[in-house]
């Protein structure tokens, strides 16, 4: 960012401060977005495997679950998932 020579020092300082914090927030947002995308990809793979489990005969099924990073807050499986798994 280029400021004109007649920009008051207080304004220039405030703009520099805001620019610095905007850059930090952008970096944090990018890290969070990457973590969310990685988690979503893992959950999508697990959902596809669960659908396969529910629709395929048990004798022809082999499942290898990918490692998914643990969410920051615990998530419990829905009662429908637990019920389906208990019937296997």
N, C-alpha and C. Protein backbone atom coordinates (compact mmCIF):
# COMPACT_ATOMS: atom_id res chain seq x y z
N UNK A 1 0.85 -1.17 0.00
CA UNK A 1 0.00 0.00 0.00
C UNK A 1 0.90 1.23 0.00
N UNK A 2 0.57 2.16 -0.84
CA UNK A 2 1.38 3.36 -0.96
C UNK A 2 0.55 4.56 -0.48
N UNK A 3 1.11 5.32 0.44
CA UNK A 3 0.42 6.50 0.97
C UNK A 3 1.05 7.76 0.38
N UNK A 4 0.23 8.78 0.26
CA UNK A 4 0.78 10.04 -0.24
C UNK A 4 1.64 10.70 0.84
N UNK A 5 2.50 11.59 0.43
CA UNK A 5 3.42 12.24 1.36
C UNK A 5 2.71 13.12 2.39
N UNK A 6 1.50 13.57 2.07
CA UNK A 6 0.81 14.44 3.01
C UNK A 6 -0.13 13.69 3.96
N UNK A 7 -0.01 12.35 4.01
CA UNK A 7 -0.81 11.56 4.94
C UNK A 7 -0.29 11.80 6.36
N UNK A 8 -1.19 12.18 7.27
CA UNK A 8 -0.76 12.41 8.66
C UNK A 8 -0.18 11.13 9.27
N UNK A 9 0.86 11.27 10.09
CA UNK A 9 1.50 10.09 10.69
C UNK A 9 0.53 9.21 11.47
N UNK A 10 -0.41 9.79 12.17
CA UNK A 10 -1.38 8.99 12.94
C UNK A 10 -2.23 8.11 12.03
N UNK A 11 -2.63 8.66 10.88
CA UNK A 11 -3.43 7.89 9.93
C UNK A 11 -2.58 6.77 9.34
N UNK A 12 -1.34 7.09 8.98
CA UNK A 12 -0.44 6.08 8.40
C UNK A 12 -0.20 4.95 9.40
N UNK A 13 -0.01 5.29 10.67
CA UNK A 13 0.20 4.27 11.70
C UNK A 13 -1.03 3.38 11.86
N UNK A 14 -2.20 4.02 11.89
CA UNK A 14 -3.44 3.25 12.03
C UNK A 14 -3.64 2.32 10.84
N UNK A 15 -3.38 2.80 9.64
CA UNK A 15 -3.51 1.96 8.46
C UNK A 15 -2.52 0.79 8.47
N UNK A 16 -1.31 1.05 8.90
CA UNK A 16 -0.31 -0.02 9.00
C UNK A 16 -0.72 -1.07 10.01
N UNK A 17 -1.25 -0.63 11.14
CA UNK A 17 -1.73 -1.53 12.18
C UNK A 17 -2.86 -2.40 11.64
N UNK A 18 -3.82 -1.78 10.96
CA UNK A 18 -4.95 -2.52 10.41
C UNK A 18 -4.50 -3.51 9.33
N UNK A 19 -3.57 -3.09 8.49
CA UNK A 19 -3.08 -3.96 7.44
C UNK A 19 -2.38 -5.20 8.03
N UNK A 20 -1.58 -4.98 9.06
CA UNK A 20 -0.88 -6.08 9.73
C UNK A 20 -1.89 -7.09 10.28
N UNK A 21 -2.90 -6.61 10.97
CA UNK A 21 -3.88 -7.52 11.57
C UNK A 21 -4.76 -8.18 10.51
N UNK A 22 -5.02 -7.50 9.43
CA UNK A 22 -5.77 -8.12 8.33
C UNK A 22 -4.97 -9.28 7.73
N UNK A 23 -3.68 -9.11 7.60
CA UNK A 23 -2.83 -10.20 7.09
C UNK A 23 -2.84 -11.39 8.03
N UNK A 24 -2.76 -11.13 9.34
CA UNK A 24 -2.81 -12.23 10.32
C UNK A 24 -4.14 -12.97 10.26
N UNK A 25 -5.24 -12.21 10.17
CA UNK A 25 -6.56 -12.85 10.10
C UNK A 25 -6.71 -13.67 8.83
N UNK A 26 -6.17 -13.18 7.73
CA UNK A 26 -6.24 -13.91 6.47
C UNK A 26 -5.47 -15.23 6.57
N UNK A 27 -4.30 -15.20 7.19
CA UNK A 27 -3.52 -16.43 7.38
C UNK A 27 -4.28 -17.43 8.25
N UNK A 28 -4.88 -16.96 9.34
CA UNK A 28 -5.64 -17.85 10.21
C UNK A 28 -6.84 -18.43 9.48
N UNK A 29 -7.50 -17.60 8.68
CA UNK A 29 -8.65 -18.07 7.92
C UNK A 29 -8.22 -19.17 6.94
N UNK A 30 -7.08 -19.00 6.29
CA UNK A 30 -6.60 -20.00 5.35
C UNK A 30 -6.29 -21.32 6.05
N UNK A 31 -5.68 -21.25 7.23
CA UNK A 31 -5.39 -22.46 8.00
C UNK A 31 -6.68 -23.16 8.40
N UNK A 32 -7.66 -22.39 8.87
CA UNK A 32 -8.95 -22.96 9.26
C UNK A 32 -9.66 -23.58 8.07
N UNK A 33 -9.63 -22.90 6.95
CA UNK A 33 -10.27 -23.41 5.74
C UNK A 33 -9.64 -24.74 5.32
N UNK A 34 -8.33 -24.83 5.39
CA UNK A 34 -7.64 -26.07 5.04
C UNK A 34 -8.06 -27.21 5.99
N UNK A 35 -8.13 -26.92 7.28
CA UNK A 35 -8.52 -27.93 8.26
C UNK A 35 -9.95 -28.40 8.01
N UNK A 36 -10.84 -27.47 7.70
CA UNK A 36 -12.24 -27.82 7.42
C UNK A 36 -12.33 -28.69 6.17
N UNK A 37 -11.61 -28.30 5.12
CA UNK A 37 -11.64 -29.08 3.88
C UNK A 37 -11.09 -30.49 4.08
N UNK A 38 -10.02 -30.61 4.85
CA UNK A 38 -9.44 -31.93 5.12
C UNK A 38 -10.44 -32.80 5.89
N UNK A 39 -11.07 -32.22 6.89
CA UNK A 39 -12.05 -32.95 7.68
C UNK A 39 -13.24 -33.36 6.83
N UNK A 40 -13.72 -32.46 5.99
CA UNK A 40 -14.86 -32.78 5.12
C UNK A 40 -14.52 -33.90 4.15
N UNK A 41 -13.31 -33.90 3.61
CA UNK A 41 -12.92 -34.98 2.69
C UNK A 41 -12.92 -36.33 3.42
N UNK A 42 -12.40 -36.35 4.64
CA UNK A 42 -12.38 -37.59 5.42
C UNK A 42 -13.78 -38.06 5.77
N UNK A 43 -14.63 -37.12 6.18
CA UNK A 43 -16.00 -37.48 6.53
C UNK A 43 -16.79 -37.95 5.31
N UNK A 44 -16.53 -37.35 4.16
CA UNK A 44 -17.19 -37.79 2.93
C UNK A 44 -16.79 -39.22 2.58
N UNK A 45 -15.50 -39.53 2.72
CA UNK A 45 -15.04 -40.90 2.46
C UNK A 45 -15.69 -41.88 3.42
N UNK A 46 -15.80 -41.50 4.68
CA UNK A 46 -16.43 -42.39 5.66
C UNK A 46 -17.91 -42.56 5.36
N UNK A 47 -18.57 -41.49 4.93
CA UNK A 47 -19.99 -41.58 4.59
C UNK A 47 -20.19 -42.51 3.39
N UNK A 48 -19.33 -42.41 2.40
CA UNK A 48 -19.42 -43.30 1.24
C UNK A 48 -19.23 -44.74 1.66
N UNK A 49 -18.30 -44.99 2.57
CA UNK A 49 -18.08 -46.35 3.06
C UNK A 49 -19.28 -46.85 3.86
N UNK A 50 -19.89 -45.97 4.63
CA UNK A 50 -21.07 -46.35 5.40
C UNK A 50 -22.22 -46.69 4.46
N UNK A 51 -22.38 -45.90 3.41
CA UNK A 51 -23.42 -46.19 2.41
C UNK A 51 -23.15 -47.55 1.77
N UNK A 52 -21.88 -47.82 1.45
CA UNK A 52 -21.51 -49.11 0.87
C UNK A 52 -21.83 -50.23 1.86
N UNK A 53 -21.54 -50.02 3.13
CA UNK A 53 -21.81 -51.02 4.15
C UNK A 53 -23.30 -51.32 4.23
N UNK A 54 -24.12 -50.29 4.11
CA UNK A 54 -25.57 -50.44 4.24
C UNK A 54 -26.19 -51.09 3.00
N UNK A 55 -25.54 -50.98 1.84
CA UNK A 55 -26.14 -51.47 0.61
C UNK A 55 -25.48 -52.71 0.04
N UNK A 56 -24.35 -53.16 0.58
CA UNK A 56 -23.63 -54.32 0.05
C UNK A 56 -23.81 -55.52 0.96
N UNK A 57 -23.76 -56.71 0.36
CA UNK A 57 -23.79 -57.91 1.21
C UNK A 57 -22.54 -57.96 2.11
N UNK A 58 -22.72 -58.38 3.31
CA UNK A 58 -21.63 -58.38 4.29
C UNK A 58 -20.47 -59.29 3.86
N UNK A 59 -20.74 -60.35 3.14
CA UNK A 59 -19.67 -61.27 2.78
C UNK A 59 -18.72 -60.69 1.74
N UNK A 60 -19.16 -59.72 0.94
CA UNK A 60 -18.33 -59.17 -0.13
C UNK A 60 -17.74 -57.82 0.24
N UNK A 61 -17.81 -57.45 1.50
CA UNK A 61 -17.45 -56.10 1.90
C UNK A 61 -16.13 -56.06 2.66
N UNK A 62 -15.24 -55.21 2.24
CA UNK A 62 -14.00 -54.94 2.96
C UNK A 62 -13.90 -53.43 3.14
N UNK A 63 -13.72 -52.99 4.36
CA UNK A 63 -13.68 -51.55 4.63
C UNK A 63 -12.36 -51.19 5.28
N UNK A 64 -11.73 -50.14 4.77
CA UNK A 64 -10.54 -49.56 5.39
C UNK A 64 -10.84 -48.09 5.62
N UNK A 65 -11.10 -47.74 6.87
CA UNK A 65 -11.45 -46.35 7.18
C UNK A 65 -10.20 -45.49 7.21
N UNK A 66 -10.24 -44.33 6.54
CA UNK A 66 -9.10 -43.41 6.58
C UNK A 66 -9.03 -42.72 7.94
N UNK A 67 -7.85 -42.28 8.28
CA UNK A 67 -7.69 -41.52 9.50
C UNK A 67 -8.21 -40.11 9.27
N UNK A 68 -9.07 -39.66 10.15
CA UNK A 68 -9.63 -38.31 10.06
C UNK A 68 -9.21 -37.56 11.31
N UNK A 69 -8.71 -36.33 11.16
CA UNK A 69 -8.34 -35.56 12.34
C UNK A 69 -9.53 -35.41 13.28
N UNK A 70 -9.27 -35.52 14.56
CA UNK A 70 -10.34 -35.39 15.53
C UNK A 70 -10.86 -33.96 15.53
N UNK A 71 -12.19 -33.79 15.55
CA UNK A 71 -12.73 -32.43 15.60
C UNK A 71 -12.41 -31.80 16.94
N UNK A 72 -12.47 -30.49 16.98
CA UNK A 72 -12.13 -29.78 18.21
C UNK A 72 -13.17 -30.04 19.30
N UNK A 73 -14.41 -30.34 18.91
CA UNK A 73 -15.42 -30.70 19.88
C UNK A 73 -15.92 -32.10 19.53
N UNK A 74 -16.20 -32.93 20.54
CA UNK A 74 -16.60 -34.30 20.24
C UNK A 74 -17.93 -34.34 19.49
N UNK A 75 -18.01 -35.27 18.54
CA UNK A 75 -19.23 -35.45 17.76
C UNK A 75 -19.66 -36.90 17.93
N UNK A 76 -20.89 -37.10 18.38
CA UNK A 76 -21.40 -38.45 18.58
C UNK A 76 -22.12 -38.91 17.31
N UNK A 77 -22.00 -40.21 16.98
CA UNK A 77 -22.75 -40.70 15.82
C UNK A 77 -24.25 -40.62 16.09
N UNK A 78 -25.01 -40.45 15.04
CA UNK A 78 -26.46 -40.35 15.20
C UNK A 78 -27.01 -41.71 15.61
N UNK A 79 -28.19 -41.74 16.23
CA UNK A 79 -28.80 -43.02 16.61
C UNK A 79 -29.03 -43.93 15.40
N UNK A 80 -29.31 -43.36 14.22
CA UNK A 80 -29.51 -44.18 13.03
C UNK A 80 -28.23 -44.92 12.66
N UNK A 81 -27.09 -44.26 12.75
CA UNK A 81 -25.81 -44.91 12.44
C UNK A 81 -25.52 -46.00 13.44
N UNK A 82 -25.72 -45.72 14.72
CA UNK A 82 -25.47 -46.73 15.76
C UNK A 82 -26.37 -47.93 15.58
N UNK A 83 -27.65 -47.69 15.24
CA UNK A 83 -28.59 -48.77 15.03
C UNK A 83 -28.17 -49.63 13.84
N UNK A 84 -27.76 -48.99 12.74
CA UNK A 84 -27.35 -49.72 11.54
C UNK A 84 -26.11 -50.56 11.82
N UNK A 85 -25.16 -50.01 12.57
CA UNK A 85 -23.94 -50.74 12.87
C UNK A 85 -24.21 -51.92 13.82
N UNK A 86 -25.17 -51.77 14.73
CA UNK A 86 -25.45 -52.85 15.67
C UNK A 86 -26.13 -54.02 14.97
N UNK A 87 -26.76 -53.78 13.83
CA UNK A 87 -27.43 -54.85 13.09
C UNK A 87 -26.46 -55.65 12.23
N UNK A 88 -25.23 -55.19 12.09
CA UNK A 88 -24.25 -55.89 11.23
C UNK A 88 -23.65 -57.08 11.93
